[in-house]
Structures are given as C-alpha cells and as structure tokens.
All heavy atoms as atom14 arrays in JSON, in Angstrom:
{
  "sequence": "AFYSFSPGMVARYVPDAGESAAATPADVLAARLRAVDRTYRA",
  "atom14_mask": [
    [1, 1, 1, 1, 1, 0, 0, 0, 0, 0, 0, 0, 0, 0],
    [1, 1, 1, 1, 1, 1, 1, 1, 1, 1, 1, 0, 0, 0],
    [1, 1, 1, 1, 1, 1, 1, 1, 1, 1, 1, 1, 0, 0],
    [1, 1, 1, 1, 1, 1, 0, 0, 0, 0, 0, 0, 0, 0],
    [1, 1, 1, 1, 1, 1, 1, 1, 1, 1, 1, 0, 0, 0],
    [1, 1, 1, 1, 1, 1, 0, 0, 0, 0, 0, 0, 0, 0],
    [1, 1, 1, 1, 1, 1, 1, 0, 0, 0, 0, 0, 0, 0],
    [1, 1, 1, 1, 0, 0, 0, 0, 0, 0, 0, 0, 0, 0],
    [1, 1, 1, 1, 1, 1, 1, 1, 0, 0, 0, 0, 0, 0],
    [1, 1, 1, 1, 1, 1, 1, 0, 0, 0, 0, 0, 0, 0],
    [1, 1, 1, 1, 1, 0, 0, 0, 0, 0, 0, 0, 0, 0],
    [1, 1, 1, 1, 1, 1, 1, 1, 1, 1, 1, 0, 0, 0],
    [1, 1, 1, 1, 1, 1, 1, 1, 1, 1, 1, 1, 0, 0],
    [1, 1, 1, 1, 1, 1, 1, 0, 0, 0, 0, 0, 0, 0],
    [1, 1, 1, 1, 1, 1, 1, 0, 0, 0, 0, 0, 0, 0],
    [1, 1, 1, 1, 1, 1, 1, 1, 0, 0, 0, 0, 0, 0],
    [1, 1, 1, 1, 1, 0, 0, 0, 0, 0, 0, 0, 0, 0],
    [1, 1, 1, 1, 0, 0, 0, 0, 0, 0, 0, 0, 0, 0],
    [1, 1, 1, 1, 1, 1, 1, 1, 1, 0, 0, 0, 0, 0],
    [1, 1, 1, 1, 1, 1, 0, 0, 0, 0, 0, 0, 0, 0],
    [1, 1, 1, 1, 1, 0, 0, 0, 0, 0, 0, 0, 0, 0],
    [1, 1, 1, 1, 1, 0, 0, 0, 0, 0, 0, 0, 0, 0],
    [1, 1, 1, 1, 1, 0, 0, 0, 0, 0, 0, 0, 0, 0],
    [1, 1, 1, 1, 1, 1, 1, 0, 0, 0, 0, 0, 0, 0],
    [1, 1, 1, 1, 1, 1, 1, 0, 0, 0, 0, 0, 0, 0],
    [1, 1, 1, 1, 1, 0, 0, 0, 0, 0, 0, 0, 0, 0],
    [1, 1, 1, 1, 1, 1, 1, 1, 0, 0, 0, 0, 0, 0],
    [1, 1, 1, 1, 1, 1, 1, 0, 0, 0, 0, 0, 0, 0],
    [1, 1, 1, 1, 1, 1, 1, 1, 0, 0, 0, 0, 0, 0],
    [1, 1, 1, 1, 1, 0, 0, 0, 0, 0, 0, 0, 0, 0],
    [1, 1, 1, 1, 1, 0, 0, 0, 0, 0, 0, 0, 0, 0],
    [1, 1, 1, 1, 1, 1, 1, 1, 1, 1, 1, 0, 0, 0],
    [1, 1, 1, 1, 1, 1, 1, 1, 0, 0, 0, 0, 0, 0],
    [1, 1, 1, 1, 1, 1, 1, 1, 1, 1, 1, 0, 0, 0],
    [1, 1, 1, 1, 1, 0, 0, 0, 0, 0, 0, 0, 0, 0],
    [1, 1, 1, 1, 1, 1, 1, 0, 0, 0, 0, 0, 0, 0],
    [1, 1, 1, 1, 1, 1, 1, 1, 0, 0, 0, 0, 0, 0],
    [1, 1, 1, 1, 1, 1, 1, 1, 1, 1, 1, 0, 0, 0],
    [1, 1, 1, 1, 1, 1, 1, 0, 0, 0, 0, 0, 0, 0],
    [1, 1, 1, 1, 1, 1, 1, 1, 1, 1, 1, 1, 0, 0],
    [1, 1, 1, 1, 1, 1, 1, 1, 1, 1, 1, 0, 0, 0],
    [1, 1, 1, 1, 1, 0, 0, 0, 0, 0, 0, 0, 0, 0]
  ],
  "atom14_positions": [
    [[15.35, -8.43, -13.19], [14.33, -9.29, -12.58], [13.46, -9.99, -13.62], [13.07, -11.14, -13.44], [13.45, -8.47, -11.64], [0.0, 0.0, 0.0], [0.0, 0.0, 0.0], [0.0, 0.0, 0.0], [0.0, 0.0, 0.0], [0.0, 0.0, 0.0], [0.0, 0.0, 0.0], [0.0, 0.0, 0.0], [0.0, 0.0, 0.0], [0.0, 0.0, 0.0]],
    [[13.15, -9.3, -14.74], [12.29, -9.88, -15.76], [13.07, -10.75, -16.74], [12.51, -11.62, -17.38], [11.57, -8.76, -16.53], [10.47, -8.08, -15.77], [10.37, -8.16, -14.39], [9.52, -7.33, -16.44], [9.37, -7.5, -13.69], [8.5, -6.69, -15.76], [8.43, -6.78, -14.38], [0.0, 0.0, 0.0], [0.0, 0.0, 0.0], [0.0, 0.0, 0.0]],
    [[14.34, -10.49, -16.92], [15.32, -11.3, -17.64], [15.15, -11.36, -19.15], [16.08, -11.06, -19.89], [15.34, -12.73, -17.08], [16.61, -13.51, -17.42], [17.8, -13.21, -16.79], [16.61, -14.54, -18.35], [18.98, -13.91, -17.09], [17.77, -15.25, -18.65], [18.95, -14.93, -18.01], [20.09, -15.63, -18.32], [0.0, 0.0, 0.0], [0.0, 0.0, 0.0]],
    [[13.99, -11.73, -19.65], [13.89, -12.04, -21.08], [13.63, -10.82, -21.95], [13.7, -10.92, -23.18], [12.79, -13.07, -21.32], [11.51, -12.52, -21.03], [0.0, 0.0, 0.0], [0.0, 0.0, 0.0], [0.0, 0.0, 0.0], [0.0, 0.0, 0.0], [0.0, 0.0, 0.0], [0.0, 0.0, 0.0], [0.0, 0.0, 0.0], [0.0, 0.0, 0.0]],
    [[13.34, -9.67, -21.35], [13.06, -8.48, -22.14], [14.35, -7.75, -22.5], [15.28, -7.65, -21.69], [12.15, -7.52, -21.38], [10.72, -8.0, -21.28], [10.31, -8.77, -20.2], [9.79, -7.67, -22.24], [9.01, -9.21, -20.09], [8.48, -8.1, -22.15], [8.09, -8.88, -21.08], [0.0, 0.0, 0.0], [0.0, 0.0, 0.0], [0.0, 0.0, 0.0]],
    [[14.39, -7.21, -23.7], [15.52, -6.39, -24.12], [15.64, -5.16, -23.22], [14.62, -4.54, -22.88], [15.32, -5.96, -25.58], [15.61, -4.64, -25.79], [0.0, 0.0, 0.0], [0.0, 0.0, 0.0], [0.0, 0.0, 0.0], [0.0, 0.0, 0.0], [0.0, 0.0, 0.0], [0.0, 0.0, 0.0], [0.0, 0.0, 0.0], [0.0, 0.0, 0.0]],
    [[16.86, -4.8, -22.81], [17.03, -3.6, -21.99], [16.44, -2.36, -22.63], [15.87, -1.5, -21.94], [18.55, -3.49, -21.83], [19.05, -4.88, -21.99], [18.14, -5.52, -23.01], [0.0, 0.0, 0.0], [0.0, 0.0, 0.0], [0.0, 0.0, 0.0], [0.0, 0.0, 0.0], [0.0, 0.0, 0.0], [0.0, 0.0, 0.0], [0.0, 0.0, 0.0]],
    [[16.56, -2.26, -23.96], [16.0, -1.11, -24.64], [14.5, -1.04, -24.52], [13.92, 0.05, -24.35], [0.0, 0.0, 0.0], [0.0, 0.0, 0.0], [0.0, 0.0, 0.0], [0.0, 0.0, 0.0], [0.0, 0.0, 0.0], [0.0, 0.0, 0.0], [0.0, 0.0, 0.0], [0.0, 0.0, 0.0], [0.0, 0.0, 0.0], [0.0, 0.0, 0.0]],
    [[13.84, -2.19, -24.58], [12.39, -2.21, -24.44], [11.97, -1.81, -23.03], [11.05, -1.01, -22.84], [11.84, -3.6, -24.77], [10.33, -3.68, -24.65], [9.69, -5.31, -25.12], [7.93, -5.07, -24.85], [0.0, 0.0, 0.0], [0.0, 0.0, 0.0], [0.0, 0.0, 0.0], [0.0, 0.0, 0.0], [0.0, 0.0, 0.0], [0.0, 0.0, 0.0]],
    [[12.66, -2.34, -22.04], [12.33, -1.99, -20.65], [12.49, -0.49, -20.43], [11.65, 0.16, -19.79], [13.2, -2.79, -19.67], [12.9, -2.35, -18.22], [12.96, -4.28, -19.82], [0.0, 0.0, 0.0], [0.0, 0.0, 0.0], [0.0, 0.0, 0.0], [0.0, 0.0, 0.0], [0.0, 0.0, 0.0], [0.0, 0.0, 0.0], [0.0, 0.0, 0.0]],
    [[13.56, 0.07, -20.97], [13.82, 1.49, -20.79], [12.73, 2.36, -21.39], [12.51, 3.49, -20.93], [15.17, 1.85, -21.39], [0.0, 0.0, 0.0], [0.0, 0.0, 0.0], [0.0, 0.0, 0.0], [0.0, 0.0, 0.0], [0.0, 0.0, 0.0], [0.0, 0.0, 0.0], [0.0, 0.0, 0.0], [0.0, 0.0, 0.0], [0.0, 0.0, 0.0]],
    [[12.02, 1.85, -22.4], [10.92, 2.63, -22.99], [9.72, 2.74, -22.06], [8.94, 3.68, -22.17], [10.48, 2.0, -24.32], [11.48, 2.17, -25.44], [10.83, 1.96, -26.81], [10.3, 0.61, -26.99], [11.01, -0.42, -27.43], [12.29, -0.27, -27.69], [10.44, -1.6, -27.6], [0.0, 0.0, 0.0], [0.0, 0.0, 0.0], [0.0, 0.0, 0.0]],
    [[9.57, 1.77, -21.18], [8.35, 1.71, -20.38], [8.58, 1.91, -18.88], [7.63, 2.16, -18.14], [7.64, 0.37, -20.59], [7.23, 0.16, -22.02], [7.86, -0.79, -22.82], [6.21, 0.91, -22.58], [7.48, -0.98, -24.15], [5.82, 0.73, -23.91], [6.47, -0.22, -24.69], [6.09, -0.39, -25.98], [0.0, 0.0, 0.0], [0.0, 0.0, 0.0]],
    [[9.81, 1.78, -18.42], [10.11, 1.92, -16.99], [10.99, 3.14, -16.81], [12.11, 3.19, -17.33], [10.82, 0.66, -16.45], [11.16, 0.85, -14.97], [9.94, -0.58, -16.65], [0.0, 0.0, 0.0], [0.0, 0.0, 0.0], [0.0, 0.0, 0.0], [0.0, 0.0, 0.0], [0.0, 0.0, 0.0], [0.0, 0.0, 0.0], [0.0, 0.0, 0.0]],
    [[10.53, 4.15, -16.07], [11.33, 5.37, -15.91], [12.52, 5.17, -14.99], [12.5, 4.31, -14.1], [10.33, 6.36, -15.31], [9.33, 5.5, -14.58], [9.22, 4.25, -15.4], [0.0, 0.0, 0.0], [0.0, 0.0, 0.0], [0.0, 0.0, 0.0], [0.0, 0.0, 0.0], [0.0, 0.0, 0.0], [0.0, 0.0, 0.0], [0.0, 0.0, 0.0]],
    [[13.57, 5.95, -15.22], [14.69, 5.97, -14.29], [14.23, 6.53, -12.96], [13.18, 7.2, -12.87], [15.83, 6.83, -14.84], [16.59, 6.14, -15.95], [16.93, 4.96, -15.78], [16.85, 6.78, -16.99], [0.0, 0.0, 0.0], [0.0, 0.0, 0.0], [0.0, 0.0, 0.0], [0.0, 0.0, 0.0], [0.0, 0.0, 0.0], [0.0, 0.0, 0.0]],
    [[15.03, 6.27, -11.92], [14.65, 6.71, -10.57], [14.41, 8.21, -10.5], [13.55, 8.68, -9.77], [15.73, 6.29, -9.58], [0.0, 0.0, 0.0], [0.0, 0.0, 0.0], [0.0, 0.0, 0.0], [0.0, 0.0, 0.0], [0.0, 0.0, 0.0], [0.0, 0.0, 0.0], [0.0, 0.0, 0.0], [0.0, 0.0, 0.0], [0.0, 0.0, 0.0]],
    [[15.15, 8.98, -11.3], [15.0, 10.43, -11.25], [13.86, 10.96, -12.08], [13.55, 12.16, -12.03], [0.0, 0.0, 0.0], [0.0, 0.0, 0.0], [0.0, 0.0, 0.0], [0.0, 0.0, 0.0], [0.0, 0.0, 0.0], [0.0, 0.0, 0.0], [0.0, 0.0, 0.0], [0.0, 0.0, 0.0], [0.0, 0.0, 0.0], [0.0, 0.0, 0.0]],
    [[13.23, 10.11, -12.87], [12.13, 10.55, -13.72], [10.79, 10.35, -13.02], [10.65, 9.51, -12.13], [12.12, 9.75, -15.03], [13.38, 9.9, -15.85], [13.38, 9.03, -17.09], [12.37, 8.33, -17.32], [14.39, 9.02, -17.81], [0.0, 0.0, 0.0], [0.0, 0.0, 0.0], [0.0, 0.0, 0.0], [0.0, 0.0, 0.0], [0.0, 0.0, 0.0]],
    [[9.81, 11.13, -13.4], [8.49, 10.99, -12.78], [7.7, 9.9, -13.5], [7.62, 9.87, -14.72], [7.74, 12.32, -12.87], [7.58, 12.72, -14.21], [0.0, 0.0, 0.0], [0.0, 0.0, 0.0], [0.0, 0.0, 0.0], [0.0, 0.0, 0.0], [0.0, 0.0, 0.0], [0.0, 0.0, 0.0], [0.0, 0.0, 0.0], [0.0, 0.0, 0.0]],
    [[7.14, 8.98, -12.72], [6.3, 7.92, -13.27], [4.86, 8.4, -13.33], [4.49, 9.4, -12.71], [6.41, 6.67, -12.4], [0.0, 0.0, 0.0], [0.0, 0.0, 0.0], [0.0, 0.0, 0.0], [0.0, 0.0, 0.0], [0.0, 0.0, 0.0], [0.0, 0.0, 0.0], [0.0, 0.0, 0.0], [0.0, 0.0, 0.0], [0.0, 0.0, 0.0]],
    [[4.04, 7.68, -14.07], [2.63, 8.05, -14.18], [1.93, 7.97, -12.82], [1.02, 8.74, -12.54], [1.93, 7.15, -15.18], [0.0, 0.0, 0.0], [0.0, 0.0, 0.0], [0.0, 0.0, 0.0], [0.0, 0.0, 0.0], [0.0, 0.0, 0.0], [0.0, 0.0, 0.0], [0.0, 0.0, 0.0], [0.0, 0.0, 0.0], [0.0, 0.0, 0.0]],
    [[2.38, 7.05, -11.97], [1.76, 6.87, -10.66], [2.79, 6.29, -9.7], [3.79, 5.7, -10.13], [0.55, 5.95, -10.76], [0.0, 0.0, 0.0], [0.0, 0.0, 0.0], [0.0, 0.0, 0.0], [0.0, 0.0, 0.0], [0.0, 0.0, 0.0], [0.0, 0.0, 0.0], [0.0, 0.0, 0.0], [0.0, 0.0, 0.0], [0.0, 0.0, 0.0]],
    [[2.56, 6.44, -8.41], [3.46, 5.87, -7.42], [3.25, 4.36, -7.35], [2.17, 3.86, -7.69], [3.22, 6.47, -6.04], [1.92, 6.04, -5.57], [3.27, 7.99, -6.07], [0.0, 0.0, 0.0], [0.0, 0.0, 0.0], [0.0, 0.0, 0.0], [0.0, 0.0, 0.0], [0.0, 0.0, 0.0], [0.0, 0.0, 0.0], [0.0, 0.0, 0.0]],
    [[4.26, 3.61, -6.88], [4.05, 2.17, -6.71], [2.84, 1.84, -5.84], [2.11, 0.89, -6.12], [5.36, 1.7, -6.07], [6.38, 2.68, -6.58], [5.66, 3.99, -6.62], [0.0, 0.0, 0.0], [0.0, 0.0, 0.0], [0.0, 0.0, 0.0], [0.0, 0.0, 0.0], [0.0, 0.0, 0.0], [0.0, 0.0, 0.0], [0.0, 0.0, 0.0]],
    [[2.62, 2.63, -4.78], [1.47, 2.37, -3.9], [0.16, 2.55, -4.65], [-0.78, 1.75, -4.49], [1.52, 3.31, -2.69], [0.0, 0.0, 0.0], [0.0, 0.0, 0.0], [0.0, 0.0, 0.0], [0.0, 0.0, 0.0], [0.0, 0.0, 0.0], [0.0, 0.0, 0.0], [0.0, 0.0, 0.0], [0.0, 0.0, 0.0], [0.0, 0.0, 0.0]],
    [[0.09, 3.58, -5.49], [-1.12, 3.79, -6.28], [-1.33, 2.65, -7.28], [-2.46, 2.2, -7.5], [-1.04, 5.12, -7.04], [-1.17, 6.33, -6.12], [-1.7, 6.16, -5.01], [-0.73, 7.42, -6.53], [0.0, 0.0, 0.0], [0.0, 0.0, 0.0], [0.0, 0.0, 0.0], [0.0, 0.0, 0.0], [0.0, 0.0, 0.0], [0.0, 0.0, 0.0]],
    [[-0.24, 2.18, -7.88], [-0.34, 1.08, -8.84], [-0.81, -0.19, -8.16], [-1.66, -0.92, -8.68], [1.01, 0.86, -9.55], [0.94, -0.37, -10.46], [1.39, 2.08, -10.38], [0.0, 0.0, 0.0], [0.0, 0.0, 0.0], [0.0, 0.0, 0.0], [0.0, 0.0, 0.0], [0.0, 0.0, 0.0], [0.0, 0.0, 0.0], [0.0, 0.0, 0.0]],
    [[-0.28, -0.47, -6.96], [-0.67, -1.68, -6.25], [-2.14, -1.64, -5.86], [-2.85, -2.66, -5.95], [0.2, -1.87, -5.01], [1.66, -2.26, -5.29], [2.47, -2.2, -4.01], [1.73, -3.66, -5.9], [0.0, 0.0, 0.0], [0.0, 0.0, 0.0], [0.0, 0.0, 0.0], [0.0, 0.0, 0.0], [0.0, 0.0, 0.0], [0.0, 0.0, 0.0]],
    [[-2.62, -0.49, -5.45], [-4.04, -0.37, -5.11], [-4.91, -0.55, -6.35], [-5.93, -1.26, -6.31], [-4.31, 1.0, -4.46], [0.0, 0.0, 0.0], [0.0, 0.0, 0.0], [0.0, 0.0, 0.0], [0.0, 0.0, 0.0], [0.0, 0.0, 0.0], [0.0, 0.0, 0.0], [0.0, 0.0, 0.0], [0.0, 0.0, 0.0], [0.0, 0.0, 0.0]],
    [[-4.48, 0.05, -7.45], [-5.24, -0.09, -8.7], [-5.17, -1.52, -9.22], [-6.12, -2.01, -9.85], [-4.7, 0.88, -9.75], [0.0, 0.0, 0.0], [0.0, 0.0, 0.0], [0.0, 0.0, 0.0], [0.0, 0.0, 0.0], [0.0, 0.0, 0.0], [0.0, 0.0, 0.0], [0.0, 0.0, 0.0], [0.0, 0.0, 0.0], [0.0, 0.0, 0.0]],
    [[-4.05, -2.19, -8.97], [-3.9, -3.58, -9.4], [-4.97, -4.46, -8.75], [-5.59, -5.3, -9.42], [-2.49, -4.08, -9.05], [-2.12, -5.4, -9.65], [-0.65, -5.71, -9.47], [-0.32, -6.24, -8.15], [0.79, -6.94, -7.88], [1.69, -7.17, -8.83], [1.03, -7.39, -6.66], [0.0, 0.0, 0.0], [0.0, 0.0, 0.0], [0.0, 0.0, 0.0]],
    [[-5.18, -4.29, -7.46], [-6.21, -5.08, -6.78], [-7.61, -4.71, -7.27], [-8.47, -5.58, -7.41], [-6.1, -4.9, -5.27], [-4.97, -5.67, -4.57], [-5.01, -5.4, -3.07], [-5.08, -7.17, -4.84], [0.0, 0.0, 0.0], [0.0, 0.0, 0.0], [0.0, 0.0, 0.0], [0.0, 0.0, 0.0], [0.0, 0.0, 0.0], [0.0, 0.0, 0.0]],
    [[-7.83, -3.43, -7.53], [-9.15, -3.04, -8.07], [-9.35, -3.69, -9.44], [-10.45, -4.16, -9.77], [-9.24, -1.52, -8.21], [-9.32, -0.77, -6.89], [-9.81, 0.65, -7.1], [-8.94, 1.44, -7.98], [-7.9, 2.15, -7.57], [-7.56, 2.16, -6.28], [-7.18, 2.85, -8.43], [0.0, 0.0, 0.0], [0.0, 0.0, 0.0], [0.0, 0.0, 0.0]],
    [[-8.29, -3.73, -10.24], [-8.38, -4.34, -11.57], [-8.69, -5.83, -11.46], [-9.52, -6.36, -12.21], [-7.08, -4.12, -12.33], [0.0, 0.0, 0.0], [0.0, 0.0, 0.0], [0.0, 0.0, 0.0], [0.0, 0.0, 0.0], [0.0, 0.0, 0.0], [0.0, 0.0, 0.0], [0.0, 0.0, 0.0], [0.0, 0.0, 0.0], [0.0, 0.0, 0.0]],
    [[-8.03, -6.52, -10.54], [-8.28, -7.95, -10.36], [-9.71, -8.17, -9.86], [-10.4, -9.08, -10.34], [-7.26, -8.56, -9.38], [-7.62, -10.0, -9.06], [-5.85, -8.49, -9.96], [0.0, 0.0, 0.0], [0.0, 0.0, 0.0], [0.0, 0.0, 0.0], [0.0, 0.0, 0.0], [0.0, 0.0, 0.0], [0.0, 0.0, 0.0], [0.0, 0.0, 0.0]],
    [[-10.15, -7.36, -8.93], [-11.5, -7.49, -8.4], [-12.53, -7.37, -9.54], [-13.41, -8.24, -9.7], [-11.75, -6.41, -7.35], [-13.18, -6.43, -6.84], [-13.63, -7.49, -6.37], [-13.85, -5.38, -6.92], [0.0, 0.0, 0.0], [0.0, 0.0, 0.0], [0.0, 0.0, 0.0], [0.0, 0.0, 0.0], [0.0, 0.0, 0.0], [0.0, 0.0, 0.0]],
    [[-12.4, -6.35, -10.33], [-13.35, -6.13, -11.43], [-13.24, -7.24, -12.48], [-14.26, -7.72, -13.01], [-13.09, -4.77, -12.06], [-13.41, -3.59, -11.16], [-13.03, -2.27, -11.84], [-13.73, -2.11, -13.13], [-13.38, -1.2, -14.04], [-12.34, -0.4, -13.83], [-14.07, -1.11, -15.16], [0.0, 0.0, 0.0], [0.0, 0.0, 0.0], [0.0, 0.0, 0.0]],
    [[-12.01, -7.64, -12.78], [-11.81, -8.67, -13.8], [-12.37, -10.01, -13.36], [-13.06, -10.69, -14.14], [-10.3, -8.81, -14.11], [-9.81, -7.57, -14.62], [-10.05, -9.92, -15.11], [0.0, 0.0, 0.0], [0.0, 0.0, 0.0], [0.0, 0.0, 0.0], [0.0, 0.0, 0.0], [0.0, 0.0, 0.0], [0.0, 0.0, 0.0], [0.0, 0.0, 0.0]],
    [[-12.1, -10.41, -12.13], [-12.61, -11.69, -11.65], [-14.13, -11.7, -11.6], [-14.76, -12.71, -11.93], [-12.02, -12.0, -10.28], [-10.71, -12.76, -10.32], [-9.83, -12.63, -11.39], [-10.34, -13.61, -9.29], [-8.63, -13.32, -11.43], [-9.15, -14.31, -9.31], [-8.3, -14.16, -10.37], [-7.11, -14.85, -10.41], [0.0, 0.0, 0.0], [0.0, 0.0, 0.0]],
    [[-14.73, -10.59, -11.2], [-16.19, -10.54, -11.16], [-16.77, -10.66, -12.57], [-17.81, -11.29, -12.77], [-16.66, -9.25, -10.49], [-16.34, -9.2, -9.0], [-16.81, -7.91, -8.35], [-16.35, -7.82, -6.98], [-16.93, -8.41, -5.93], [-18.04, -9.11, -6.13], [-16.44, -8.29, -4.71], [0.0, 0.0, 0.0], [0.0, 0.0, 0.0], [0.0, 0.0, 0.0]],
    [[-16.08, -10.06, -13.54], [-16.56, -10.11, -14.92], [-16.31, -11.47, -15.56], [-17.18, -11.99, -16.27], [-15.88, -9.02, -15.74], [0.0, 0.0, 0.0], [0.0, 0.0, 0.0], [0.0, 0.0, 0.0], [0.0, 0.0, 0.0], [0.0, 0.0, 0.0], [0.0, 0.0, 0.0], [0.0, 0.0, 0.0], [0.0, 0.0, 0.0], [0.0, 0.0, 0.0]]
  ]
}
C-alpha cells in the first residue's frame, strides 16, 4: 500500500499478524484524533 518503502524497512516497524503490536488499530485511531486535536490547537 505504501509502495516506496523498502520491504526491509517496513518489516522493522510493522509487526507480522502473529506478533503483538504496541497498540490495537482502534487504540491507534483514537490516539490519532487526539494527536490531531492537540496539534491543530497548538
């Protein structure tokens, strides 16, 4: 989907499906909006 990144680089930062991520996608999406809210206000 991102296309221009080296597969090796992506693999360093994106876990395989069987690996545990730092947070769930739902948690990331909620935090993403909080980040935008704080950033835009600042």
